[in-house]
Each structure stands twice: as structure tokens, then as C-alpha cells.
Amino acid sequence: MGSAVRWGVLTLWRRKRAGADDGAAAVEFALVSGMLVILLVGIIQFGFLFFQWVELTHAAREGVRWVALEYPAGSVSTPGTVRYKAAQSSPGLELTDADIIVNPEDPGIGDVGDAATVTVTHEVPVFTPLMQEIFGTSDGTFLLRSTATMRIE
């Protein structure tokens, strides 16, 4: 009977001890959740920037391909020109003529064999003030740039 009493006291003590840790998980989560939110926002911002950079790279490659085929630089509003094809290859960016630099502007037969270059730039918004501090931007945007070069055929 003595061991049963000891066992009962030990079980009661364990139950009381387990009840003392009820709020520990909530406190630990409160301490860690801020870091988790910052990490999540950082991952989302990086993914957004990476997606925009891939779009810019695609626009630059598409544009330089058209220069290599000896099409004029033209405008984003004129079909069949380099700037139009570059802007249409990345519709989510809404590129303008100022965002796309084409060299040479109007290739001809004398430029065959020379290098053609298309540079596309775009300002991407940065979501939170903390991310603005990390990226070192004061106006809330981050400038992305992509350049592609190809030989004129």
C-alpha cells in the first residue's frame, strides 16, 4: 500500500508540474513569430524581384533577337519593331520606350557581323520599410537591369 501512495503522489506531482508549462508555448511563439513574419515577407519580396528580373531578361533577349534580324528599334506602340517585341514579351512590366535601350537603333547591311545590344531597365516596388532598408532604397523602388548581346545576321 505504501508504494501505491507514493505512485499516486508522484502522478499528482507530475500533473501539477505539466500544468505549469501551459503558457510557455504561447510565449515562445510570440517571441519567434515576429522573426517568422520578417522572413516570410523577405521571401515574398525576393520572389517578386526574381520574377521581375526573369521578365526583364526575357525582354532583353527577345529584343536583341529582333535587332540581330535587322529590324529597326522603333517604339513600343509600333508593331514589328524591336522595342515593341521586347515590351510585348513581358506584358506584366508595362515597359516604355525609355526603359529599352537599343544599339544600333536602325541596323542595316553594313552592320552585319557587328554586335547588337539591348538593355532593359525597370523600377520594381519594394513592399515594406524594412525591405527598403535592406535594399538601400529611399524612394521605395529597386532598379533592375538586364542586357543581352547578339551578332547581327
Protein backbone atom coordinates (compact mmCIF):
# COMPACT_ATOMS: atom_id res chain seq x y z
CA MET A 1 0.00 0.00 0.00
CA GLY A 2 2.94 2.32 0.64
CA SER A 3 4.15 2.09 -2.93
CA ALA A 4 0.63 2.87 -4.26
CA VAL A 5 0.53 6.05 -2.17
CA ARG A 6 3.96 7.04 -3.45
CA TRP A 7 2.85 6.34 -7.01
CA GLY A 8 -0.29 8.45 -6.54
CA VAL A 9 1.70 11.37 -5.09
CA LEU A 10 4.21 11.13 -7.93
CA THR A 11 1.39 11.15 -10.53
CA LEU A 12 -0.26 14.13 -8.84
CA TRP A 13 3.06 15.99 -8.77
CA ARG A 14 3.58 15.30 -12.49
CA ARG A 15 0.12 16.63 -13.33
CA LYS A 16 0.76 19.81 -11.38
CA ARG A 17 4.19 20.22 -12.98
CA ALA A 18 2.78 19.74 -16.51
CA GLY A 19 0.17 22.43 -15.88
CA ALA A 20 2.89 24.97 -15.04
CA ASP A 21 4.13 24.93 -18.69
CA ASP A 22 0.76 25.72 -20.27
CA GLY A 23 1.67 29.27 -21.37
CA ALA A 24 5.27 28.54 -22.37
CA ALA A 25 4.40 27.62 -25.95
CA ALA A 26 2.38 30.80 -26.43
CA VAL A 27 5.23 32.96 -25.11
CA GLU A 28 7.79 31.19 -27.29
CA PHE A 29 5.55 31.60 -30.34
CA ALA A 30 5.11 35.29 -29.57
CA LEU A 31 8.88 35.72 -29.44
CA VAL A 32 9.53 33.80 -32.66
CA SER A 33 6.52 34.92 -34.74
CA GLY A 34 7.98 38.37 -35.45
CA MET A 35 11.10 36.81 -36.96
CA LEU A 36 8.96 34.39 -38.97
CA VAL A 37 6.87 37.23 -40.42
CA ILE A 38 10.01 39.17 -41.39
CA LEU A 39 11.43 36.04 -43.01
CA LEU A 40 8.18 35.39 -44.90
CA VAL A 41 7.98 38.98 -46.20
CA GLY A 42 11.63 38.75 -47.28
CA ILE A 43 10.97 35.53 -49.18
CA ILE A 44 7.94 37.06 -50.91
CA GLN A 45 9.89 40.22 -51.83
CA PHE A 46 12.82 38.20 -53.18
CA GLY A 47 10.46 36.02 -55.23
CA PHE A 48 8.77 39.10 -56.67
CA LEU A 49 12.13 40.69 -57.57
CA PHE A 50 13.37 37.45 -59.11
CA PHE A 51 10.21 37.11 -61.23
CA GLN A 52 10.60 40.71 -62.46
CA TRP A 53 14.29 40.09 -63.28
CA VAL A 54 13.41 36.98 -65.30
CA GLU A 55 10.83 39.01 -67.22
CA LEU A 56 13.45 41.72 -67.93
CA THR A 57 15.95 39.13 -69.11
CA HIS A 58 13.37 37.65 -71.44
CA ALA A 59 12.51 41.10 -72.83
CA ALA A 60 16.19 41.90 -73.47
CA ARG A 61 16.79 38.58 -75.23
CA GLU A 62 13.69 38.93 -77.38
CA GLY A 63 14.66 42.49 -78.30
CA VAL A 64 18.23 41.64 -79.25
CA ARG A 65 16.97 38.74 -81.35
CA TRP A 66 14.94 41.24 -83.39
CA VAL A 67 17.94 43.58 -83.71
CA ALA A 68 20.03 40.64 -84.92
CA LEU A 69 17.45 40.11 -87.67
CA GLU A 70 17.96 43.79 -88.67
CA TYR A 71 14.65 45.26 -87.54
CA PRO A 72 14.52 48.97 -86.51
CA ALA A 73 14.30 49.91 -82.83
CA GLY A 74 11.06 51.89 -83.30
CA SER A 75 8.57 52.30 -80.46
CA VAL A 76 6.63 50.10 -78.04
CA SER A 77 3.48 51.18 -79.88
CA THR A 78 4.69 50.22 -83.39
CA PRO A 79 4.33 46.51 -84.24
CA GLY A 80 7.30 44.90 -85.95
CA THR A 81 9.95 46.93 -84.13
CA VAL A 82 12.49 45.90 -81.52
CA ARG A 83 11.01 47.91 -78.64
CA TYR A 84 7.51 46.62 -79.42
CA LYS A 85 8.68 42.98 -79.41
CA ALA A 86 10.66 43.47 -76.19
CA ALA A 87 7.71 45.14 -74.44
CA GLN A 88 5.25 42.50 -75.65
CA SER A 89 7.45 39.64 -74.44
CA SER A 90 6.98 40.78 -70.83
CA PRO A 91 3.45 42.22 -70.57
CA GLY A 92 3.42 42.37 -66.77
CA LEU A 93 6.13 45.04 -66.68
CA GLU A 94 4.45 47.68 -68.87
CA LEU A 95 7.75 48.80 -70.41
CA THR A 96 8.10 52.17 -72.13
CA ASP A 97 10.49 53.42 -74.82
CA ALA A 98 12.69 54.94 -72.10
CA ASP A 99 13.08 51.51 -70.45
CA ILE A 100 14.56 49.86 -73.57
CA ILE A 101 17.94 50.95 -74.97
CA VAL A 102 18.78 49.51 -78.41
CA ASN A 103 22.21 49.69 -80.03
CA PRO A 104 22.31 50.10 -83.03
CA GLU A 105 18.98 51.88 -83.38
CA ASP A 106 18.50 51.09 -87.07
CA PRO A 107 20.75 48.21 -88.20
CA GLY A 108 21.45 47.76 -91.87
CA ILE A 109 23.50 45.66 -94.25
CA GLY A 110 26.67 47.46 -93.15
CA ASP A 111 26.17 46.26 -89.55
CA VAL A 112 26.14 42.54 -90.38
CA GLY A 113 28.60 40.73 -88.14
CA ASP A 114 28.66 43.51 -85.52
CA ALA A 115 27.33 43.08 -82.01
CA ALA A 116 23.85 44.32 -81.17
CA THR A 117 22.89 45.13 -77.58
CA VAL A 118 19.53 45.65 -75.90
CA THR A 119 19.39 46.89 -72.31
CA VAL A 120 16.10 46.83 -70.43
CA THR A 121 15.64 48.61 -67.08
CA HIS A 122 12.62 48.70 -64.82
CA GLU A 123 11.90 50.02 -61.33
CA VAL A 124 10.29 47.40 -59.09
CA PRO A 125 8.42 48.44 -55.93
CA VAL A 126 9.74 47.31 -52.56
CA PHE A 127 6.91 46.31 -50.20
CA THR A 128 7.92 47.23 -46.66
CA PRO A 129 10.13 49.83 -45.00
CA LEU A 130 12.33 47.07 -43.55
CA MET A 131 12.97 45.67 -47.02
CA GLN A 132 13.68 49.20 -48.26
CA GLU A 133 16.38 49.48 -45.59
CA ILE A 134 17.86 46.11 -46.58
CA PHE A 135 17.91 47.00 -50.30
CA GLY A 136 19.18 50.52 -49.55
CA THR A 137 16.46 52.40 -51.39
CA SER A 138 14.91 55.66 -50.27
CA ASP A 139 12.10 56.03 -52.83
CA GLY A 140 10.52 52.58 -52.36
CA THR A 141 11.75 51.12 -55.65
CA PHE A 142 14.61 48.90 -56.75
CA LEU A 143 16.13 49.33 -60.23
CA LEU A 144 16.58 46.10 -62.17
CA ARG A 145 18.63 45.95 -65.38
CA SER A 146 19.22 43.23 -67.93
CA THR A 147 21.44 43.35 -71.02
CA ALA A 148 21.60 40.94 -73.95
CA THR A 149 24.07 40.93 -76.83
CA MET A 150 23.91 39.06 -80.13
CA ARG A 151 25.63 39.23 -83.52
CA ILE A 152 23.66 40.88 -86.32
CA GLU A 153 22.90 38.34 -89.07
